[in-house]
Amino acid sequence: MAELGICACPGCEEDVTSDNAALSEGQAFCCTGCAAGHPEGLPCAHDGCPCTELNRPSSGEPTREGY
């Protein structure tokens, strides 16, 4: 298991490892919710993480693809 740093999702402070990494746009995220940009309120995999609310897209706003 390799450490990849902190999740690239703004407001998320979870560690990303080679075991849990979700990659998108050349960045490492801690879960698919973060990698996708939290579409339709898709939460961070870590309970209580503030990034879910901080990064929830407005209605109709495009989200990241390819996670």
N, C-alpha and C. Protein backbone atom coordinates (compact mmCIF):
# COMPACT_ATOMS: atom_id res chain seq x y z
N MET A 1 0.85 -1.18 0.00
CA MET A 1 0.00 0.00 0.00
C MET A 1 0.90 1.24 0.00
N ALA A 2 0.72 2.08 -1.00
CA ALA A 2 1.52 3.30 -1.11
C ALA A 2 0.67 4.51 -0.73
N GLU A 3 1.28 5.45 -0.02
CA GLU A 3 0.60 6.69 0.34
C GLU A 3 0.63 7.63 -0.85
N LEU A 4 -0.51 8.20 -1.21
CA LEU A 4 -0.59 9.12 -2.34
C LEU A 4 -0.87 10.55 -1.91
N GLY A 5 -0.91 10.80 -0.61
CA GLY A 5 -1.15 12.15 -0.10
C GLY A 5 -2.58 12.35 0.35
N ILE A 6 -2.97 13.62 0.43
CA ILE A 6 -4.31 14.00 0.87
C ILE A 6 -5.24 14.06 -0.35
N CYS A 7 -6.49 13.73 -0.16
CA CYS A 7 -7.50 13.77 -1.22
C CYS A 7 -7.50 15.14 -1.90
N ALA A 8 -7.63 15.16 -3.23
CA ALA A 8 -7.61 16.39 -4.01
C ALA A 8 -8.94 17.15 -3.96
N CYS A 9 -9.95 16.59 -3.32
CA CYS A 9 -11.25 17.25 -3.20
C CYS A 9 -11.12 18.39 -2.18
N PRO A 10 -11.47 19.63 -2.57
CA PRO A 10 -11.38 20.75 -1.63
C PRO A 10 -12.20 20.50 -0.36
N GLY A 11 -11.56 20.69 0.78
CA GLY A 11 -12.23 20.49 2.06
C GLY A 11 -12.08 19.09 2.63
N CYS A 12 -11.62 18.16 1.82
CA CYS A 12 -11.43 16.78 2.29
C CYS A 12 -10.00 16.65 2.78
N GLU A 13 -9.82 16.05 3.95
CA GLU A 13 -8.50 15.89 4.52
C GLU A 13 -8.14 14.42 4.70
N GLU A 14 -8.84 13.55 4.00
CA GLU A 14 -8.59 12.11 4.12
C GLU A 14 -7.33 11.72 3.34
N ASP A 15 -6.59 10.76 3.89
CA ASP A 15 -5.41 10.23 3.21
C ASP A 15 -5.84 9.33 2.06
N VAL A 16 -5.10 9.40 0.98
CA VAL A 16 -5.35 8.54 -0.17
C VAL A 16 -4.22 7.53 -0.24
N THR A 17 -4.59 6.26 -0.36
CA THR A 17 -3.61 5.20 -0.50
C THR A 17 -3.86 4.47 -1.81
N SER A 18 -2.92 3.66 -2.21
CA SER A 18 -3.10 2.89 -3.43
C SER A 18 -4.28 1.92 -3.30
N ASP A 19 -4.67 1.59 -2.08
CA ASP A 19 -5.80 0.69 -1.85
C ASP A 19 -7.16 1.36 -2.02
N ASN A 20 -7.26 2.67 -1.72
CA ASN A 20 -8.57 3.31 -1.78
C ASN A 20 -8.66 4.41 -2.83
N ALA A 21 -7.63 4.62 -3.63
CA ALA A 21 -7.59 5.74 -4.56
C ALA A 21 -8.63 5.63 -5.67
N ALA A 22 -9.25 6.78 -5.95
CA ALA A 22 -10.10 6.95 -7.12
C ALA A 22 -9.44 8.08 -7.91
N LEU A 23 -9.03 7.81 -9.13
CA LEU A 23 -8.29 8.78 -9.92
C LEU A 23 -9.20 9.47 -10.92
N SER A 24 -9.03 10.79 -11.06
CA SER A 24 -9.79 11.58 -12.01
C SER A 24 -8.97 12.80 -12.40
N GLU A 25 -8.90 13.07 -13.68
CA GLU A 25 -8.19 14.24 -14.20
C GLU A 25 -6.77 14.34 -13.66
N GLY A 26 -6.10 13.20 -13.51
CA GLY A 26 -4.73 13.16 -13.06
C GLY A 26 -4.53 13.42 -11.58
N GLN A 27 -5.60 13.42 -10.80
CA GLN A 27 -5.52 13.65 -9.37
C GLN A 27 -6.03 12.44 -8.62
N ALA A 28 -5.57 12.28 -7.38
CA ALA A 28 -5.97 11.16 -6.53
C ALA A 28 -6.99 11.63 -5.50
N PHE A 29 -8.09 10.90 -5.42
CA PHE A 29 -9.18 11.19 -4.48
C PHE A 29 -9.38 9.99 -3.57
N CYS A 30 -9.97 10.22 -2.39
CA CYS A 30 -10.14 9.14 -1.41
C CYS A 30 -11.32 8.22 -1.73
N CYS A 31 -12.24 8.65 -2.59
CA CYS A 31 -13.41 7.82 -2.91
C CYS A 31 -14.02 8.29 -4.23
N THR A 32 -14.95 7.53 -4.75
CA THR A 32 -15.57 7.89 -6.02
C THR A 32 -16.46 9.12 -5.90
N GLY A 33 -17.04 9.36 -4.73
CA GLY A 33 -17.85 10.57 -4.53
C GLY A 33 -17.02 11.82 -4.74
N CYS A 34 -15.84 11.85 -4.14
CA CYS A 34 -14.94 12.99 -4.31
C CYS A 34 -14.44 13.08 -5.75
N ALA A 35 -14.08 11.97 -6.34
CA ALA A 35 -13.55 11.96 -7.70
C ALA A 35 -14.58 12.45 -8.71
N ALA A 36 -15.85 12.20 -8.45
CA ALA A 36 -16.91 12.60 -9.38
C ALA A 36 -17.38 14.02 -9.15
N GLY A 37 -16.95 14.66 -8.07
CA GLY A 37 -17.40 16.02 -7.77
C GLY A 37 -18.72 16.05 -7.01
N HIS A 38 -19.04 14.96 -6.33
CA HIS A 38 -20.24 14.85 -5.49
C HIS A 38 -21.55 15.12 -6.26
N PRO A 39 -21.74 14.46 -7.42
CA PRO A 39 -22.98 14.67 -8.17
C PRO A 39 -24.20 14.22 -7.39
N GLU A 40 -25.26 14.98 -7.48
CA GLU A 40 -26.52 14.65 -6.82
C GLU A 40 -26.33 14.34 -5.34
N GLY A 41 -25.35 14.99 -4.71
CA GLY A 41 -25.13 14.81 -3.29
C GLY A 41 -24.40 13.54 -2.91
N LEU A 42 -23.80 12.85 -3.88
CA LEU A 42 -23.04 11.64 -3.58
C LEU A 42 -22.02 11.98 -2.50
N PRO A 43 -22.11 11.34 -1.34
CA PRO A 43 -21.25 11.74 -0.22
C PRO A 43 -19.84 11.19 -0.31
N CYS A 44 -18.98 11.80 0.48
CA CYS A 44 -17.64 11.27 0.70
C CYS A 44 -17.81 9.94 1.44
N ALA A 45 -16.90 9.02 1.21
CA ALA A 45 -16.96 7.72 1.87
C ALA A 45 -16.68 7.83 3.37
N HIS A 46 -16.18 8.97 3.82
CA HIS A 46 -15.84 9.15 5.22
C HIS A 46 -16.93 9.97 5.92
N ASP A 47 -17.62 9.34 6.85
CA ASP A 47 -18.73 9.98 7.57
C ASP A 47 -18.31 11.32 8.16
N GLY A 48 -19.15 12.32 7.96
CA GLY A 48 -18.94 13.62 8.57
C GLY A 48 -17.94 14.50 7.85
N CYS A 49 -17.42 14.05 6.72
CA CYS A 49 -16.43 14.86 6.01
C CYS A 49 -17.11 16.10 5.42
N PRO A 50 -16.59 17.29 5.67
CA PRO A 50 -17.23 18.51 5.20
C PRO A 50 -17.20 18.69 3.69
N CYS A 51 -16.40 17.91 2.99
CA CYS A 51 -16.29 18.12 1.54
C CYS A 51 -17.58 17.81 0.81
N THR A 52 -18.41 16.93 1.34
CA THR A 52 -19.66 16.58 0.67
C THR A 52 -20.52 17.82 0.46
N GLU A 53 -20.70 18.62 1.49
CA GLU A 53 -21.51 19.84 1.37
C GLU A 53 -20.75 20.96 0.67
N LEU A 54 -19.47 21.08 0.92
CA LEU A 54 -18.68 22.15 0.32
C LEU A 54 -18.61 22.05 -1.20
N ASN A 55 -18.67 20.85 -1.73
CA ASN A 55 -18.46 20.63 -3.16
C ASN A 55 -19.69 20.15 -3.91
N ARG A 56 -20.83 20.19 -3.28
CA ARG A 56 -22.06 19.76 -3.95
C ARG A 56 -22.34 20.72 -5.11
N PRO A 57 -22.42 20.20 -6.36
CA PRO A 57 -22.66 21.09 -7.50
C PRO A 57 -24.08 21.66 -7.49
N SER A 58 -24.21 22.84 -8.04
CA SER A 58 -25.54 23.42 -8.21
C SER A 58 -26.30 22.59 -9.22
N SER A 59 -27.60 22.68 -9.19
CA SER A 59 -28.43 21.93 -10.12
C SER A 59 -28.03 22.26 -11.56
N GLY A 60 -27.75 21.22 -12.35
CA GLY A 60 -27.39 21.40 -13.74
C GLY A 60 -25.91 21.65 -13.99
N GLU A 61 -25.12 21.81 -12.93
CA GLU A 61 -23.68 22.05 -13.10
C GLU A 61 -23.02 20.74 -13.48
N PRO A 62 -22.13 20.76 -14.46
CA PRO A 62 -21.47 19.52 -14.87
C PRO A 62 -20.54 19.00 -13.78
N THR A 63 -20.36 17.69 -13.75
CA THR A 63 -19.47 17.05 -12.79
C THR A 63 -18.33 16.40 -13.55
N ARG A 64 -17.31 15.95 -12.82
CA ARG A 64 -16.18 15.28 -13.46
C ARG A 64 -16.62 13.93 -14.02
N GLU A 65 -16.01 13.54 -15.11
CA GLU A 65 -16.29 12.25 -15.73
C GLU A 65 -15.06 11.36 -15.60
N GLY A 66 -15.25 10.08 -15.76
CA GLY A 66 -14.14 9.15 -15.85
C GLY A 66 -13.51 8.74 -14.55
N TYR A 67 -14.24 8.71 -13.45
CA TYR A 67 -13.64 8.29 -12.19
C TYR A 67 -13.74 6.84 -12.11
